[in-house]
N, C-alpha and C. Protein backbone atom coordinates (compact mmCIF):
# COMPACT_ATOMS: atom_id res chain seq x y z
N MET A 1 2.78 6.20 -20.35
CA MET A 1 2.68 5.89 -19.05
C MET A 1 1.30 5.53 -18.86
N ARG A 2 1.25 4.42 -17.82
CA ARG A 2 -0.12 4.23 -17.09
C ARG A 2 0.03 4.47 -15.60
N LYS A 3 -1.00 4.61 -15.38
CA LYS A 3 -1.42 5.22 -13.90
C LYS A 3 -2.53 4.24 -13.30
N VAL A 4 -2.02 3.62 -12.23
CA VAL A 4 -3.00 3.05 -11.28
C VAL A 4 -3.39 3.89 -9.84
N LYS A 5 -4.67 3.73 -9.64
CA LYS A 5 -4.81 4.51 -8.18
C LYS A 5 -5.16 3.47 -6.97
N CYS A 6 -4.75 4.05 -6.10
CA CYS A 6 -4.68 2.81 -4.79
C CYS A 6 -6.53 3.43 -4.10
N MET A 7 -7.00 2.41 -4.38
CA MET A 7 -8.64 2.77 -3.74
C MET A 7 -8.95 3.08 -2.33
N THR A 8 -7.49 2.65 -1.43
CA THR A 8 -7.78 2.84 0.05
C THR A 8 -7.36 4.57 0.28
N CYS A 9 -5.97 4.92 -0.32
CA CYS A 9 -6.01 6.16 0.31
C CYS A 9 -6.01 7.04 -0.90
N GLY A 10 -6.10 6.61 -2.13
CA GLY A 10 -6.20 7.47 -3.32
C GLY A 10 -5.10 8.11 -3.88
N LYS A 11 -3.83 7.21 -3.59
CA LYS A 11 -2.51 7.70 -4.25
C LYS A 11 -2.64 6.79 -5.87
N THR A 12 -2.01 7.59 -6.70
CA THR A 12 -1.63 7.59 -8.14
C THR A 12 -0.12 7.04 -8.04
N PHE A 13 -0.11 6.24 -8.87
CA PHE A 13 1.06 5.29 -9.08
C PHE A 13 1.26 5.23 -10.43
N SER A 14 2.34 5.82 -11.22
CA SER A 14 2.80 5.87 -12.60
C SER A 14 3.75 4.98 -13.03
N ALA A 15 3.65 3.97 -14.15
CA ALA A 15 4.91 3.18 -14.70
C ALA A 15 4.86 3.20 -15.93
N PRO A 16 5.83 2.97 -16.52
CA PRO A 16 5.62 2.76 -18.22
C PRO A 16 4.97 1.31 -18.66
N THR A 17 4.62 0.50 -17.67
CA THR A 17 3.46 -0.65 -18.32
C THR A 17 2.81 -0.47 -16.83
N LYS A 18 1.58 -1.81 -17.79
CA LYS A 18 0.35 -1.59 -16.60
C LYS A 18 0.91 -2.63 -15.46
N GLU A 19 1.92 -3.83 -15.85
CA GLU A 19 2.04 -4.80 -14.82
C GLU A 19 3.22 -3.88 -14.11
N GLU A 20 3.85 -3.05 -14.14
CA GLU A 20 4.82 -2.26 -13.26
C GLU A 20 3.98 -1.36 -12.43
N ALA A 21 3.31 -0.85 -12.81
CA ALA A 21 2.16 0.21 -11.89
C ALA A 21 1.31 -0.90 -11.05
N GLU A 22 0.63 -2.02 -11.49
CA GLU A 22 0.09 -2.98 -10.48
C GLU A 22 1.41 -3.50 -9.55
N ALA A 23 2.27 -3.53 -9.82
CA ALA A 23 3.21 -4.00 -8.88
C ALA A 23 3.38 -2.99 -7.52
N MET A 24 3.60 -2.05 -8.53
CA MET A 24 4.15 -0.74 -7.24
C MET A 24 2.69 -0.45 -6.24
N LEU A 25 1.49 -0.82 -6.92
CA LEU A 25 0.42 -0.65 -6.03
C LEU A 25 0.43 -1.66 -5.13
N LYS A 26 0.50 -2.92 -5.02
CA LYS A 26 0.52 -4.20 -4.52
C LYS A 26 1.54 -4.03 -3.48
N ARG A 27 3.10 -3.25 -3.73
CA ARG A 27 3.98 -3.00 -2.74
C ARG A 27 3.24 -2.03 -1.39
N HIS A 28 2.90 -1.16 -2.26
CA HIS A 28 2.33 -0.01 -1.25
C HIS A 28 1.30 -0.60 -0.47
N ARG A 29 0.33 -1.34 -1.22
CA ARG A 29 -0.86 -1.88 -0.24
C ARG A 29 -0.23 -2.62 0.70
N LEU A 30 0.67 -3.48 0.68
CA LEU A 30 1.34 -4.55 1.89
C LEU A 30 2.06 -3.53 2.93
N GLN A 31 3.02 -2.34 2.79
CA GLN A 31 3.39 -1.49 3.57
C GLN A 31 2.07 -0.91 4.06
N THR A 32 1.28 -0.68 3.69
CA THR A 32 0.27 0.06 4.52
C THR A 32 -0.53 -0.90 5.27
N ILE A 33 -0.51 -2.25 4.99
CA ILE A 33 -1.15 -3.22 5.71
C ILE A 33 -0.60 -3.53 7.00
N THR A 34 1.07 -3.80 6.89
CA THR A 34 1.68 -3.62 7.94
C THR A 34 1.74 -2.80 8.72
N GLY A 35 1.91 -1.16 8.12
CA GLY A 35 2.32 -0.53 9.20
C GLY A 35 1.05 -0.16 10.49
N GLU A 36 -0.17 -0.50 9.74
CA GLU A 36 -1.06 -0.34 10.49
C GLU A 36 -1.32 -1.60 11.39
N ASN A 37 -1.04 -2.63 11.04
CA ASN A 37 -0.96 -3.63 12.37
C ASN A 37 0.37 -3.22 13.23
N THR A 38 1.38 -2.58 12.77
CA THR A 38 2.42 -2.29 13.69
C THR A 38 2.11 -1.29 14.53
N LEU A 39 1.32 -0.09 14.01
CA LEU A 39 0.69 0.92 14.80
C LEU A 39 -0.26 0.33 15.82
N GLN A 40 -1.34 -0.48 15.48
CA GLN A 40 -2.08 -1.09 16.47
C GLN A 40 -1.44 -1.58 17.79
N ARG A 41 -0.16 -2.48 17.39
CA ARG A 41 0.39 -2.95 18.35
C ARG A 41 1.11 -2.20 19.30
N SER A 42 1.57 -0.90 18.80
CA SER A 42 2.23 -0.30 19.69
C SER A 42 1.21 1.09 20.34
N MET A 43 0.40 0.83 19.94
CA MET A 43 -1.18 1.57 20.42
C MET A 43 -1.57 0.49 21.77
N TYR A 44 -1.73 -0.60 21.80
CA TYR A 44 -2.35 -1.76 22.73
C TYR A 44 -1.73 -2.30 23.25
N GLY A 45 -0.46 -2.58 22.86
CA GLY A 45 0.78 -3.52 23.43
C GLY A 45 0.51 -4.63 23.38
N SER A 46 -0.31 -5.14 22.22
CA SER A 46 -0.48 -6.62 22.12
C SER A 46 -0.12 -7.04 21.00
N ASP A 47 -0.29 -8.42 20.62
CA ASP A 47 0.23 -8.93 19.02
C ASP A 47 -1.25 -8.89 18.41
N ALA A 48 -2.13 -8.47 18.50
CA ALA A 48 -3.42 -8.48 17.83
C ALA A 48 -2.98 -7.97 16.21
């Protein structure tokens, strides 16, 4: 099992191969970024 760690939140992902683990990390990072944008939009009521 390979492990990769998210630098921003410290969450660790495990997968049989390094490629799979990195893919999970990328997906997680995308979700985090889009989630933050949605949160800001709901807080400030703008499309910023």
